[in-house]
Amino acid sequence: MNRSLLAVCVALVAAVGEPLSVPPHEEVARMARFVVNKCDWASMATISTHDPVKGQPFSNAFSISDGPAGNGTGTPFMYLTHMEISVQDLQVNPQASLSVSLAQTSYCKNHGFDPQSPLCAHIILSGSVTEVNGSEASEAKAALFSRHPEMIDWPTDHNWFFAKMNITQVWVLDYFGGVKTVTPEEYYRAAPYIKHRSDTQ
């Protein structure tokens, strides 16, 4: 095998990576925590304050992190600026929802699951988005910059700040039979990983 072909094969293996070991679908809260930790970004829906869609749902992509991969807290942190249109919506109404999906990883594609399939687990978090300060801002900074190092060099004149999703309800679709709900208490109690199993993506 020549070097060029070998390099292509190595790159393909690296892209596919190890199989992603997901929690059993019966463990709903654990599945929610697992997916939130595995995903690096979310689609955030707000109520628009901008014409011509004022008052209508408005969805936008945001980078998130609940902590290091494999060791998340469950709380999605974001790095925001008031220059952003969705953040301007949040200033008027902080209520929002965040949607994350294993379609963002290699898992669904490797298993032949369409992103809309219930088997391609996706989680919707409902609640409000608020700025964090002090020790919580330090926690948010560590969580976000470790997963999104590019953020370190984002322009300072945008007056970036750290924020979190205050979760009031968790919606889980990870199997047939319809969506399941999890309370915040159940969500935060759940351990997303079993230590003796490989959860490497």
N, C-alpha and C. Protein backbone atom coordinates (compact mmCIF):
# COMPACT_ATOMS: atom_id res chain seq x y z
N MET A 1 0.86 -1.19 0.00
CA MET A 1 0.00 0.00 0.00
C MET A 1 0.89 1.24 0.00
N ASN A 2 0.68 2.15 -0.98
CA ASN A 2 1.53 3.34 -1.02
C ASN A 2 1.16 4.30 0.10
N ARG A 3 2.03 5.30 0.32
CA ARG A 3 1.86 6.19 1.46
C ARG A 3 0.59 7.03 1.35
N SER A 4 0.24 7.46 0.15
CA SER A 4 -0.96 8.29 -0.04
C SER A 4 -2.21 7.52 0.34
N LEU A 5 -2.30 6.27 -0.12
CA LEU A 5 -3.47 5.45 0.19
C LEU A 5 -3.54 5.14 1.68
N LEU A 6 -2.36 4.90 2.28
CA LEU A 6 -2.31 4.63 3.71
C LEU A 6 -2.80 5.84 4.50
N ALA A 7 -2.39 7.03 4.07
CA ALA A 7 -2.80 8.25 4.76
C ALA A 7 -4.31 8.43 4.69
N VAL A 8 -4.90 8.12 3.52
CA VAL A 8 -6.35 8.23 3.36
C VAL A 8 -7.06 7.26 4.29
N CYS A 9 -6.56 6.03 4.37
CA CYS A 9 -7.17 5.02 5.24
C CYS A 9 -7.10 5.44 6.71
N VAL A 10 -5.95 5.97 7.13
CA VAL A 10 -5.79 6.42 8.51
C VAL A 10 -6.76 7.55 8.81
N ALA A 11 -6.92 8.47 7.85
CA ALA A 11 -7.84 9.60 8.04
C ALA A 11 -9.27 9.12 8.16
N LEU A 12 -9.65 8.13 7.35
CA LEU A 12 -11.01 7.59 7.41
C LEU A 12 -11.27 6.91 8.74
N VAL A 13 -10.31 6.15 9.23
CA VAL A 13 -10.47 5.48 10.52
C VAL A 13 -10.61 6.52 11.63
N ALA A 14 -9.81 7.56 11.57
CA ALA A 14 -9.88 8.61 12.60
C ALA A 14 -11.22 9.32 12.56
N ALA A 15 -11.76 9.52 11.35
CA ALA A 15 -13.04 10.21 11.21
C ALA A 15 -14.17 9.39 11.78
N VAL A 16 -14.14 8.08 11.55
CA VAL A 16 -15.19 7.21 12.06
C VAL A 16 -15.09 7.07 13.57
N GLY A 17 -13.83 6.84 14.05
CA GLY A 17 -13.59 6.75 15.49
C GLY A 17 -14.17 5.48 16.09
N GLU A 18 -14.10 5.41 17.38
CA GLU A 18 -14.64 4.27 18.11
C GLU A 18 -16.16 4.34 18.13
N PRO A 19 -16.81 3.17 18.21
CA PRO A 19 -18.27 3.19 18.31
C PRO A 19 -18.71 3.95 19.55
N LEU A 20 -19.78 4.71 19.41
CA LEU A 20 -20.30 5.50 20.53
C LEU A 20 -21.24 4.63 21.34
N SER A 21 -20.91 4.42 22.60
CA SER A 21 -21.71 3.56 23.47
C SER A 21 -22.73 4.41 24.21
N VAL A 22 -23.99 4.33 23.77
CA VAL A 22 -25.03 5.17 24.36
C VAL A 22 -25.75 4.43 25.49
N PRO A 23 -26.33 5.16 26.43
CA PRO A 23 -27.09 4.51 27.50
C PRO A 23 -28.31 3.78 26.95
N PRO A 24 -28.84 2.81 27.68
CA PRO A 24 -30.09 2.15 27.28
C PRO A 24 -31.23 3.17 27.21
N HIS A 25 -32.13 2.99 26.24
CA HIS A 25 -33.20 3.98 26.08
C HIS A 25 -34.15 4.01 27.28
N GLU A 26 -34.16 2.95 28.09
CA GLU A 26 -35.01 2.96 29.28
C GLU A 26 -34.51 3.94 30.33
N GLU A 27 -33.24 4.28 30.29
CA GLU A 27 -32.65 5.19 31.27
C GLU A 27 -32.73 6.61 30.70
N VAL A 28 -33.91 7.17 30.78
CA VAL A 28 -34.23 8.40 30.05
C VAL A 28 -33.39 9.59 30.52
N ALA A 29 -33.30 9.80 31.81
CA ALA A 29 -32.54 10.93 32.33
C ALA A 29 -31.06 10.80 31.99
N ARG A 30 -30.56 9.59 32.09
CA ARG A 30 -29.15 9.36 31.77
C ARG A 30 -28.89 9.62 30.29
N MET A 31 -29.83 9.21 29.43
CA MET A 31 -29.69 9.49 28.01
C MET A 31 -29.62 10.99 27.75
N ALA A 32 -30.48 11.74 28.42
CA ALA A 32 -30.49 13.19 28.23
C ALA A 32 -29.14 13.79 28.62
N ARG A 33 -28.61 13.40 29.76
CA ARG A 33 -27.32 13.92 30.21
C ARG A 33 -26.21 13.53 29.23
N PHE A 34 -26.27 12.32 28.75
CA PHE A 34 -25.26 11.81 27.83
C PHE A 34 -25.23 12.62 26.54
N VAL A 35 -26.40 12.83 25.95
CA VAL A 35 -26.47 13.55 24.67
C VAL A 35 -26.02 15.00 24.84
N VAL A 36 -26.45 15.64 25.92
CA VAL A 36 -26.05 17.04 26.16
C VAL A 36 -24.53 17.13 26.28
N ASN A 37 -23.90 16.17 26.95
CA ASN A 37 -22.45 16.22 27.09
C ASN A 37 -21.73 15.91 25.79
N LYS A 38 -22.31 15.06 24.96
CA LYS A 38 -21.66 14.69 23.70
C LYS A 38 -21.73 15.79 22.65
N CYS A 39 -22.71 16.66 22.75
CA CYS A 39 -22.93 17.66 21.70
C CYS A 39 -22.21 18.96 22.01
N ASP A 40 -21.63 19.55 20.97
CA ASP A 40 -20.88 20.80 21.10
C ASP A 40 -21.69 22.03 20.72
N TRP A 41 -22.86 21.82 20.15
CA TRP A 41 -23.68 22.97 19.75
C TRP A 41 -25.15 22.59 19.86
N ALA A 42 -25.98 23.62 19.88
CA ALA A 42 -27.42 23.43 20.00
C ALA A 42 -28.15 24.40 19.09
N SER A 43 -29.36 24.02 18.73
CA SER A 43 -30.27 24.95 18.06
C SER A 43 -31.12 25.59 19.15
N MET A 44 -31.00 26.91 19.29
CA MET A 44 -31.75 27.61 20.32
C MET A 44 -32.91 28.36 19.69
N ALA A 45 -34.11 28.10 20.19
CA ALA A 45 -35.32 28.79 19.72
C ALA A 45 -35.72 29.86 20.71
N THR A 46 -35.93 31.06 20.20
CA THR A 46 -36.40 32.19 20.99
C THR A 46 -37.67 32.73 20.35
N ILE A 47 -38.33 33.67 21.02
CA ILE A 47 -39.45 34.40 20.42
C ILE A 47 -38.88 35.69 19.83
N SER A 48 -38.97 35.81 18.53
CA SER A 48 -38.30 36.91 17.84
C SER A 48 -38.86 38.28 18.23
N THR A 49 -37.95 39.23 18.33
CA THR A 49 -38.32 40.63 18.55
C THR A 49 -38.04 41.47 17.30
N HIS A 50 -37.74 40.79 16.20
CA HIS A 50 -37.31 41.48 14.99
C HIS A 50 -38.33 41.33 13.86
N ASP A 51 -38.65 42.43 13.23
CA ASP A 51 -39.48 42.37 12.03
C ASP A 51 -38.67 41.75 10.90
N PRO A 52 -39.30 41.00 9.98
CA PRO A 52 -40.75 40.80 9.83
C PRO A 52 -41.28 39.54 10.53
N VAL A 53 -40.50 38.96 11.45
CA VAL A 53 -40.93 37.73 12.12
C VAL A 53 -41.18 37.98 13.61
N LYS A 54 -41.42 39.20 13.99
CA LYS A 54 -41.63 39.55 15.39
C LYS A 54 -42.77 38.73 15.99
N GLY A 55 -42.51 38.14 17.16
CA GLY A 55 -43.52 37.33 17.83
C GLY A 55 -43.54 35.88 17.40
N GLN A 56 -42.73 35.52 16.42
CA GLN A 56 -42.71 34.15 15.92
C GLN A 56 -41.49 33.41 16.47
N PRO A 57 -41.55 32.07 16.50
CA PRO A 57 -40.38 31.30 16.92
C PRO A 57 -39.22 31.55 15.97
N PHE A 58 -38.03 31.63 16.53
CA PHE A 58 -36.83 31.90 15.74
C PHE A 58 -35.71 31.00 16.24
N SER A 59 -35.16 30.18 15.37
CA SER A 59 -34.14 29.21 15.78
C SER A 59 -32.78 29.59 15.22
N ASN A 60 -31.75 29.38 16.04
CA ASN A 60 -30.40 29.81 15.69
C ASN A 60 -29.41 28.84 16.33
N ALA A 61 -28.25 28.66 15.72
CA ALA A 61 -27.25 27.72 16.23
C ALA A 61 -26.28 28.41 17.18
N PHE A 62 -25.98 27.74 18.31
CA PHE A 62 -25.04 28.27 19.29
C PHE A 62 -24.13 27.15 19.79
N SER A 63 -22.88 27.50 20.00
CA SER A 63 -21.95 26.57 20.63
C SER A 63 -22.31 26.44 22.11
N ILE A 64 -22.25 25.22 22.62
CA ILE A 64 -22.55 24.98 24.03
C ILE A 64 -21.49 24.07 24.64
N SER A 65 -21.46 24.03 25.95
CA SER A 65 -20.66 23.05 26.67
C SER A 65 -21.20 22.94 28.08
N ASP A 66 -21.34 21.71 28.54
CA ASP A 66 -21.73 21.51 29.94
C ASP A 66 -20.53 21.04 30.76
N GLY A 67 -19.33 21.15 30.15
CA GLY A 67 -18.11 20.73 30.81
C GLY A 67 -17.30 19.83 29.89
N PRO A 68 -16.19 19.30 30.38
CA PRO A 68 -15.34 18.45 29.54
C PRO A 68 -16.10 17.23 29.02
N ALA A 69 -15.72 16.77 27.85
CA ALA A 69 -16.32 15.56 27.30
C ALA A 69 -16.08 14.41 28.27
N GLY A 70 -17.16 13.74 28.65
CA GLY A 70 -17.07 12.64 29.59
C GLY A 70 -17.21 13.04 31.04
N ASN A 71 -17.31 14.36 31.29
CA ASN A 71 -17.39 14.82 32.68
C ASN A 71 -18.19 16.11 32.77
N GLY A 72 -19.40 16.10 32.21
CA GLY A 72 -20.23 17.30 32.18
C GLY A 72 -21.08 17.45 33.43
N THR A 73 -21.55 18.68 33.64
CA THR A 73 -22.40 18.97 34.78
C THR A 73 -23.89 18.88 34.45
N GLY A 74 -24.21 18.89 33.14
CA GLY A 74 -25.60 18.89 32.71
C GLY A 74 -26.12 20.27 32.37
N THR A 75 -25.44 21.32 32.84
CA THR A 75 -25.87 22.70 32.57
C THR A 75 -25.20 23.22 31.32
N PRO A 76 -25.97 23.51 30.27
CA PRO A 76 -25.35 24.04 29.04
C PRO A 76 -24.97 25.51 29.21
N PHE A 77 -23.69 25.79 29.02
CA PHE A 77 -23.18 27.16 29.04
C PHE A 77 -23.01 27.67 27.63
N MET A 78 -23.13 28.99 27.46
CA MET A 78 -22.95 29.64 26.17
C MET A 78 -22.12 30.90 26.33
N TYR A 79 -21.48 31.32 25.24
CA TYR A 79 -20.68 32.54 25.19
C TYR A 79 -21.41 33.48 24.23
N LEU A 80 -21.97 34.56 24.76
CA LEU A 80 -22.92 35.36 23.99
C LEU A 80 -22.50 36.84 23.92
N THR A 81 -23.08 37.52 22.95
CA THR A 81 -22.92 38.96 22.83
C THR A 81 -24.28 39.58 22.54
N HIS A 82 -24.50 40.77 23.08
CA HIS A 82 -25.77 41.46 22.84
C HIS A 82 -25.91 41.94 21.40
N MET A 83 -24.86 41.80 20.62
CA MET A 83 -24.93 42.15 19.21
C MET A 83 -25.68 41.08 18.41
N GLU A 84 -25.84 39.91 18.99
CA GLU A 84 -26.46 38.78 18.29
C GLU A 84 -27.99 38.89 18.37
N ILE A 85 -28.68 38.59 17.27
CA ILE A 85 -30.13 38.83 17.21
C ILE A 85 -30.92 37.96 18.18
N SER A 86 -30.52 36.71 18.38
CA SER A 86 -31.24 35.86 19.32
C SER A 86 -31.04 36.32 20.76
N VAL A 87 -29.86 36.84 21.05
CA VAL A 87 -29.59 37.36 22.39
C VAL A 87 -30.45 38.60 22.64
N GLN A 88 -30.66 39.38 21.61
CA GLN A 88 -31.56 40.53 21.74
C GLN A 88 -32.99 40.06 22.04
N ASP A 89 -33.39 38.93 21.47
CA ASP A 89 -34.69 38.35 21.82
C ASP A 89 -34.73 37.98 23.30
N LEU A 90 -33.64 37.39 23.78
CA LEU A 90 -33.59 36.95 25.18
C LEU A 90 -33.65 38.12 26.16
N GLN A 91 -33.19 39.28 25.74
CA GLN A 91 -33.27 40.45 26.61
C GLN A 91 -34.72 40.86 26.87
N VAL A 92 -35.58 40.58 25.91
CA VAL A 92 -37.01 40.89 26.05
C VAL A 92 -37.74 39.74 26.73
N ASN A 93 -37.40 38.52 26.33
CA ASN A 93 -38.04 37.32 26.89
C ASN A 93 -36.97 36.24 27.02
N PRO A 94 -36.50 35.96 28.22
CA PRO A 94 -35.40 35.00 28.39
C PRO A 94 -35.79 33.54 28.18
N GLN A 95 -37.09 33.28 27.97
CA GLN A 95 -37.53 31.90 27.75
C GLN A 95 -37.02 31.39 26.40
N ALA A 96 -36.53 30.16 26.40
CA ALA A 96 -35.96 29.58 25.19
C ALA A 96 -35.98 28.07 25.29
N SER A 97 -35.65 27.43 24.20
CA SER A 97 -35.43 25.98 24.21
C SER A 97 -34.16 25.68 23.44
N LEU A 98 -33.47 24.64 23.89
CA LEU A 98 -32.26 24.17 23.23
C LEU A 98 -32.49 22.75 22.75
N SER A 99 -32.13 22.50 21.50
CA SER A 99 -32.27 21.16 20.93
C SER A 99 -30.90 20.63 20.54
N VAL A 100 -30.59 19.41 21.03
CA VAL A 100 -29.33 18.75 20.68
C VAL A 100 -29.64 17.33 20.23
N SER A 101 -28.79 16.78 19.37
CA SER A 101 -29.08 15.48 18.76
C SER A 101 -27.79 14.70 18.54
N LEU A 102 -27.88 13.39 18.68
CA LEU A 102 -26.73 12.55 18.37
C LEU A 102 -26.41 12.55 16.88
N ALA A 103 -27.27 13.18 16.07
CA ALA A 103 -26.94 13.37 14.66
C ALA A 103 -25.72 14.28 14.53
N GLN A 104 -25.39 15.02 15.57
CA GLN A 104 -24.22 15.88 15.58
C GLN A 104 -22.94 15.07 15.76
N THR A 105 -23.05 13.81 16.13
CA THR A 105 -21.90 12.92 16.27
C THR A 105 -21.92 11.94 15.09
N SER A 106 -21.01 10.99 15.12
CA SER A 106 -20.97 9.96 14.07
C SER A 106 -21.98 8.84 14.33
N TYR A 107 -22.61 8.83 15.51
CA TYR A 107 -23.42 7.69 15.94
C TYR A 107 -24.55 7.35 14.97
N CYS A 108 -25.38 8.32 14.63
CA CYS A 108 -26.56 8.03 13.81
C CYS A 108 -26.18 7.60 12.40
N LYS A 109 -25.20 8.29 11.82
CA LYS A 109 -24.76 7.92 10.48
C LYS A 109 -24.17 6.52 10.46
N ASN A 110 -23.37 6.20 11.47
CA ASN A 110 -22.75 4.86 11.53
C ASN A 110 -23.78 3.76 11.67
N HIS A 111 -24.93 4.07 12.29
CA HIS A 111 -25.98 3.07 12.48
C HIS A 111 -27.08 3.16 11.42
N GLY A 112 -26.95 4.07 10.48
CA GLY A 112 -27.95 4.20 9.43
C GLY A 112 -29.23 4.85 9.91
N PHE A 113 -29.16 5.66 10.98
CA PHE A 113 -30.35 6.32 11.51
C PHE A 113 -30.48 7.72 10.90
N ASP A 114 -31.64 8.01 10.35
CA ASP A 114 -31.91 9.36 9.89
C ASP A 114 -31.97 10.30 11.09
N PRO A 115 -31.53 11.57 10.95
CA PRO A 115 -31.60 12.49 12.09
C PRO A 115 -32.99 12.63 12.71
N GLN A 116 -34.05 12.39 11.91
CA GLN A 116 -35.41 12.51 12.43
C GLN A 116 -35.89 11.22 13.09
N SER A 117 -35.15 10.13 12.92
CA SER A 117 -35.55 8.86 13.51
C SER A 117 -35.51 8.93 15.02
N PRO A 118 -36.48 8.34 15.72
CA PRO A 118 -36.43 8.29 17.19
C PRO A 118 -35.18 7.59 17.71
N LEU A 119 -34.59 6.71 16.89
CA LEU A 119 -33.40 6.00 17.33
C LEU A 119 -32.15 6.88 17.32
N CYS A 120 -32.24 8.02 16.64
CA CYS A 120 -31.16 9.01 16.66
C CYS A 120 -31.52 10.00 17.77
N ALA A 121 -31.10 9.68 18.98
CA ALA A 121 -31.59 10.38 20.18
C ALA A 121 -31.43 11.89 20.08
N HIS A 122 -32.52 12.60 20.38
CA HIS A 122 -32.43 14.05 20.48
C HIS A 122 -33.18 14.54 21.72
N ILE A 123 -32.63 15.62 22.25
CA ILE A 123 -33.05 16.16 23.53
C ILE A 123 -33.45 17.62 23.34
N ILE A 124 -34.56 18.02 23.95
CA ILE A 124 -34.98 19.42 23.95
C ILE A 124 -35.05 19.89 25.39
N LEU A 125 -34.31 20.94 25.69
CA LEU A 125 -34.31 21.53 27.02
C LEU A 125 -35.12 22.81 26.99
N SER A 126 -36.10 22.93 27.87
CA SER A 126 -36.90 24.14 27.99
C SER A 126 -36.48 24.90 29.24
N GLY A 127 -36.54 26.23 29.17
CA GLY A 127 -36.18 27.03 30.33
C GLY A 127 -35.88 28.46 29.95
N SER A 128 -34.97 29.06 30.68
CA SER A 128 -34.59 30.45 30.42
C SER A 128 -33.08 30.55 30.35
N VAL A 129 -32.62 31.57 29.64
CA VAL A 129 -31.18 31.79 29.49
C VAL A 129 -30.80 33.04 30.28
N THR A 130 -29.82 32.91 31.17
CA THR A 130 -29.40 34.03 32.00
C THR A 130 -27.89 34.15 32.03
N GLU A 131 -27.41 35.36 32.22
CA GLU A 131 -25.98 35.60 32.35
C GLU A 131 -25.49 35.04 33.68
N VAL A 132 -24.25 34.56 33.69
CA VAL A 132 -23.65 34.06 34.92
C VAL A 132 -22.43 34.92 35.28
N ASN A 133 -22.15 34.99 36.56
CA ASN A 133 -21.05 35.82 37.05
C ASN A 133 -20.26 35.07 38.12
N GLY A 134 -19.15 35.66 38.52
CA GLY A 134 -18.36 35.10 39.61
C GLY A 134 -17.83 33.72 39.33
N SER A 135 -17.94 32.83 40.32
CA SER A 135 -17.40 31.48 40.18
C SER A 135 -18.10 30.71 39.09
N GLU A 136 -19.40 31.00 38.89
CA GLU A 136 -20.14 30.31 37.84
C GLU A 136 -19.65 30.73 36.46
N ALA A 137 -19.25 32.00 36.31
CA ALA A 137 -18.67 32.46 35.05
C ALA A 137 -17.33 31.77 34.79
N SER A 138 -16.57 31.56 35.84
CA SER A 138 -15.28 30.85 35.70
C SER A 138 -15.51 29.42 35.26
N GLU A 139 -16.55 28.80 35.83
CA GLU A 139 -16.91 27.44 35.43
C GLU A 139 -17.34 27.40 33.97
N ALA A 140 -18.13 28.39 33.58
CA ALA A 140 -18.59 28.45 32.19
C ALA A 140 -17.42 28.66 31.24
N LYS A 141 -16.50 29.52 31.61
CA LYS A 141 -15.32 29.78 30.77
C LYS A 141 -14.51 28.52 30.57
N ALA A 142 -14.26 27.79 31.63
CA ALA A 142 -13.48 26.55 31.54
C ALA A 142 -14.20 25.53 30.67
N ALA A 143 -15.52 25.43 30.86
CA ALA A 143 -16.31 24.46 30.09
C ALA A 143 -16.29 24.79 28.61
N LEU A 144 -16.50 26.05 28.27
CA LEU A 144 -16.62 26.46 26.87
C LEU A 144 -15.27 26.51 26.17
N PHE A 145 -14.27 27.11 26.79
CA PHE A 145 -12.99 27.28 26.11
C PHE A 145 -12.26 25.96 25.92
N SER A 146 -12.55 24.97 26.78
CA SER A 146 -11.93 23.65 26.60
C SER A 146 -12.50 22.92 25.39
N ARG A 147 -13.78 23.18 25.09
CA ARG A 147 -14.43 22.51 23.95
C ARG A 147 -14.41 23.37 22.69
N HIS A 148 -14.30 24.68 22.87
CA HIS A 148 -14.33 25.62 21.74
C HIS A 148 -13.17 26.60 21.86
N PRO A 149 -11.93 26.15 21.65
CA PRO A 149 -10.76 27.01 21.88
C PRO A 149 -10.73 28.25 21.01
N GLU A 150 -11.41 28.23 19.88
CA GLU A 150 -11.46 29.41 19.01
C GLU A 150 -12.06 30.62 19.73
N MET A 151 -12.93 30.37 20.71
CA MET A 151 -13.59 31.46 21.43
C MET A 151 -12.61 32.40 22.11
N ILE A 152 -11.45 31.87 22.48
CA ILE A 152 -10.45 32.67 23.18
C ILE A 152 -10.06 33.90 22.36
N ASP A 153 -10.08 33.77 21.04
CA ASP A 153 -9.61 34.83 20.16
C ASP A 153 -10.75 35.62 19.51
N TRP A 154 -11.98 35.42 19.98
CA TRP A 154 -13.08 36.20 19.40
C TRP A 154 -12.92 37.68 19.78
N PRO A 155 -13.36 38.61 18.92
CA PRO A 155 -13.09 40.04 19.12
C PRO A 155 -13.62 40.58 20.45
N THR A 156 -12.76 41.25 21.19
CA THR A 156 -13.13 41.73 22.52
C THR A 156 -14.14 42.87 22.46
N ASP A 157 -14.22 43.58 21.34
CA ASP A 157 -15.15 44.71 21.26
C ASP A 157 -16.61 44.27 21.14
N HIS A 158 -16.84 42.93 21.12
CA HIS A 158 -18.22 42.41 21.09
C HIS A 158 -18.80 42.26 22.50
N ASN A 159 -17.97 42.51 23.50
CA ASN A 159 -18.43 42.43 24.90
C ASN A 159 -19.10 41.09 25.22
N TRP A 160 -18.38 40.04 24.98
CA TRP A 160 -18.89 38.69 25.24
C TRP A 160 -19.18 38.49 26.72
N PHE A 161 -20.16 37.66 27.00
CA PHE A 161 -20.46 37.27 28.38
C PHE A 161 -20.88 35.81 28.41
N PHE A 162 -20.79 35.22 29.58
CA PHE A 162 -21.15 33.82 29.75
C PHE A 162 -22.59 33.70 30.25
N ALA A 163 -23.28 32.71 29.74
CA ALA A 163 -24.68 32.49 30.10
C ALA A 163 -24.94 31.00 30.25
N LYS A 164 -26.07 30.68 30.86
CA LYS A 164 -26.44 29.28 31.03
C LYS A 164 -27.93 29.12 30.75
N MET A 165 -28.32 27.90 30.47
CA MET A 165 -29.73 27.54 30.36
C MET A 165 -30.20 27.07 31.73
N ASN A 166 -31.19 27.77 32.29
CA ASN A 166 -31.86 27.32 33.52
C ASN A 166 -32.96 26.35 33.10
N ILE A 167 -32.73 25.08 33.30
CA ILE A 167 -33.61 24.04 32.77
C ILE A 167 -34.85 23.87 33.64
N THR A 168 -36.02 23.95 33.00
CA THR A 168 -37.27 23.70 33.72
C THR A 168 -37.96 22.42 33.25
N GLN A 169 -37.58 21.92 32.08
CA GLN A 169 -38.17 20.68 31.58
C GLN A 169 -37.22 20.06 30.55
N VAL A 170 -37.17 18.75 30.55
CA VAL A 170 -36.33 18.01 29.61
C VAL A 170 -37.21 17.07 28.81
N TRP A 171 -37.10 17.14 27.49
CA TRP A 171 -37.86 16.29 26.58
C TRP A 171 -36.89 15.36 25.87
N VAL A 172 -37.19 14.07 25.86
CA VAL A 172 -36.28 13.07 25.31
C VAL A 172 -37.01 12.22 24.27
N LEU A 173 -36.43 12.16 23.08
CA LEU A 173 -36.92 11.24 22.05
C LEU A 173 -35.74 10.37 21.64
N ASP A 174 -35.73 9.13 22.12
CA ASP A 174 -34.60 8.25 21.84
C ASP A 174 -35.04 6.84 21.46
N TYR A 175 -36.37 6.65 21.29
CA TYR A 175 -36.89 5.32 20.95
C TYR A 175 -38.32 5.50 20.48
N PHE A 176 -38.90 4.43 19.97
CA PHE A 176 -40.28 4.47 19.50
C PHE A 176 -41.24 4.59 20.69
N GLY A 177 -42.41 5.17 20.44
CA GLY A 177 -43.41 5.30 21.49
C GLY A 177 -43.66 6.72 21.93
N GLY A 178 -42.99 7.67 21.31
CA GLY A 178 -43.25 9.07 21.64
C GLY A 178 -42.24 9.69 22.58
N VAL A 179 -42.36 10.99 22.73
CA VAL A 179 -41.42 11.75 23.56
C VAL A 179 -41.66 11.46 25.04
N LYS A 180 -40.58 11.48 25.81
CA LYS A 180 -40.64 11.28 27.25
C LYS A 180 -40.13 12.54 27.93
N THR A 181 -40.62 12.82 29.12
CA THR A 181 -40.19 14.01 29.84
C THR A 181 -39.43 13.61 31.11
N VAL A 182 -38.51 14.48 31.49
CA VAL A 182 -37.69 14.28 32.66
C VAL A 182 -37.69 15.59 33.44
N THR A 183 -37.83 15.52 34.75
CA THR A 183 -37.76 16.74 35.56
C THR A 183 -36.30 17.17 35.69
N PRO A 184 -36.05 18.45 35.97
CA PRO A 184 -34.67 18.87 36.21
C PRO A 184 -33.99 18.08 37.32
N GLU A 185 -34.73 17.73 38.35
CA GLU A 185 -34.15 16.96 39.46
C GLU A 185 -33.68 15.59 38.98
N GLU A 186 -34.52 14.92 38.19
CA GLU A 186 -34.13 13.61 37.64
C GLU A 186 -32.93 13.75 36.71
N TYR A 187 -32.95 14.79 35.91
CA TYR A 187 -31.88 15.04 34.95
C TYR A 187 -30.54 15.21 35.65
N TYR A 188 -30.51 16.06 36.66
CA TYR A 188 -29.24 16.34 37.33
C TYR A 188 -28.77 15.19 38.21
N ARG A 189 -29.67 14.35 38.67
CA ARG A 189 -29.28 13.18 39.47
C ARG A 189 -28.62 12.10 38.63
N ALA A 190 -28.94 12.07 37.35
CA ALA A 190 -28.49 10.98 36.49
C ALA A 190 -26.98 11.07 36.22
N ALA A 191 -26.35 9.91 36.16
CA ALA A 191 -24.93 9.83 35.79
C ALA A 191 -24.86 9.41 34.33
N PRO A 192 -24.38 10.28 33.45
CA PRO A 192 -24.43 9.97 32.02
C PRO A 192 -23.53 8.83 31.59
N TYR A 193 -22.50 8.56 32.36
CA TYR A 193 -21.53 7.54 31.95
C TYR A 193 -21.40 6.46 33.02
N ILE A 194 -21.20 5.24 32.55
CA ILE A 194 -20.84 4.13 33.44
C ILE A 194 -19.35 3.94 33.31
N LYS A 195 -18.64 4.08 34.39
CA LYS A 195 -17.18 4.18 34.34
C LYS A 195 -16.49 2.99 33.73
N HIS A 196 -17.06 1.79 33.90
CA HIS A 196 -16.33 0.62 33.40
C HIS A 196 -16.59 0.35 31.94
N ARG A 197 -17.45 1.15 31.30
CA ARG A 197 -17.73 1.00 29.87
C ARG A 197 -17.02 2.09 29.09
N SER A 198 -16.72 1.77 27.82
CA SER A 198 -16.10 2.77 26.96
C SER A 198 -17.15 3.64 26.35
N ASP A 199 -17.10 4.94 26.63
CA ASP A 199 -18.03 5.89 26.04
C ASP A 199 -17.31 6.81 25.07
N THR A 200 -16.20 6.34 24.55
CA THR A 200 -15.41 7.17 23.64
C THR A 200 -16.13 7.27 22.30
N GLN A 201 -16.18 8.48 21.76
CA GLN A 201 -16.81 8.68 20.45
C GLN A 201 -15.88 8.25 19.37
